[in-house]
Amino acid sequence: MATWLAILLIVVALIVGLIGGFLLARKYMMDYFKKNPPINEEMLRMMMMQMGQKPSHKKINQMMTMMNKNMDQKMKNGK
């Protein structure tokens, strides 16, 4: 086997491995964040209280819906 062919195969395998690893890691993180969102209702309530706002249940639900909708749009655009 020619040396240049061996080098070419190694480079191609490296590129394919990097792309495949990136895509698998990205899919894993998207699924993880969908199942375990970084901000939940209790955290949102605490942040609003710290900012001096009185958190109502309706306002918290609106913010959570807005955040979930935003996350879904980002996931659709990313794919």
Protein backbone atom coordinates (compact mmCIF):
# COMPACT_ATOMS: atom_id res chain seq x y z
CA MET A 1 0.00 0.00 0.00
CA ALA A 2 1.31 3.40 -0.92
CA THR A 3 2.22 5.76 1.88
CA TRP A 4 0.05 8.56 0.50
CA LEU A 5 -2.98 6.26 0.48
CA ALA A 6 -2.43 5.29 4.12
CA ILE A 7 -2.14 8.94 5.14
CA LEU A 8 -5.27 9.82 3.16
CA LEU A 9 -7.26 7.02 4.84
CA ILE A 10 -6.10 8.14 8.28
CA VAL A 11 -7.10 11.75 7.60
CA VAL A 12 -10.52 10.71 6.21
CA ALA A 13 -11.15 8.44 9.22
CA LEU A 14 -10.19 11.26 11.58
CA ILE A 15 -12.56 13.71 9.89
CA VAL A 16 -15.44 11.21 9.87
CA GLY A 17 -14.82 10.42 13.54
CA LEU A 18 -14.80 14.10 14.53
CA ILE A 19 -18.02 14.84 12.66
CA GLY A 20 -19.74 11.73 14.03
CA GLY A 21 -18.62 12.47 17.59
CA PHE A 22 -19.82 16.05 17.36
CA LEU A 23 -23.26 15.04 16.07
CA LEU A 24 -23.69 12.33 18.72
CA ALA A 25 -22.65 14.69 21.52
CA ARG A 26 -24.99 17.39 20.22
CA LYS A 27 -27.96 14.99 20.08
CA TYR A 28 -27.20 13.72 23.59
CA MET A 29 -27.08 17.25 25.02
CA MET A 30 -30.32 18.30 23.25
CA ASP A 31 -32.12 15.25 24.67
CA TYR A 32 -30.63 15.89 28.13
CA PHE A 33 -31.76 19.52 28.20
CA LYS A 34 -35.22 18.59 26.95
CA LYS A 35 -35.62 16.06 29.79
CA ASN A 36 -33.86 18.22 32.41
CA PRO A 37 -34.47 21.89 31.68
CA PRO A 38 -31.91 24.18 33.30
CA ILE A 39 -34.61 26.42 34.84
CA ASN A 40 -37.74 25.14 36.56
CA GLU A 41 -40.71 26.96 38.11
CA GLU A 42 -39.19 27.14 41.58
CA MET A 43 -35.98 28.73 40.28
CA LEU A 44 -38.03 31.21 38.25
CA ARG A 45 -40.09 32.11 41.33
CA MET A 46 -36.91 32.71 43.36
CA MET A 47 -35.38 34.90 40.64
CA MET A 48 -38.52 37.02 40.40
CA MET A 49 -38.62 37.48 44.19
CA GLN A 50 -34.96 38.54 44.19
CA MET A 51 -35.71 41.15 41.51
CA GLY A 52 -38.47 42.58 43.69
CA GLN A 53 -41.41 41.23 41.71
CA LYS A 54 -44.31 39.36 43.26
CA PRO A 55 -44.50 36.11 41.28
CA SER A 56 -48.05 35.07 40.45
CA HIS A 57 -48.82 31.57 39.24
CA LYS A 58 -50.13 32.97 35.94
CA LYS A 59 -46.96 34.99 35.30
CA ILE A 60 -44.70 32.02 36.08
CA ASN A 61 -46.70 29.77 33.73
CA GLN A 62 -46.46 32.40 30.98
CA MET A 63 -42.69 32.66 31.38
CA MET A 64 -42.23 28.87 31.43
CA THR A 65 -44.39 28.53 28.29
CA MET A 66 -42.37 31.25 26.57
CA MET A 67 -39.07 29.60 27.53
CA ASN A 68 -40.26 26.15 26.36
CA LYS A 69 -41.52 27.60 23.08
CA ASN A 70 -38.17 29.35 22.56
CA MET A 71 -36.28 26.12 23.29
CA ASP A 72 -38.44 24.17 20.81
CA GLN A 73 -37.82 26.77 18.10
CA LYS A 74 -34.06 26.59 18.68
CA MET A 75 -34.12 22.81 18.48
CA LYS A 76 -36.10 22.89 15.20
CA ASN A 77 -33.77 25.48 13.66
CA GLY A 78 -30.69 23.57 14.80
CA LYS A 79 -31.68 20.37 13.03
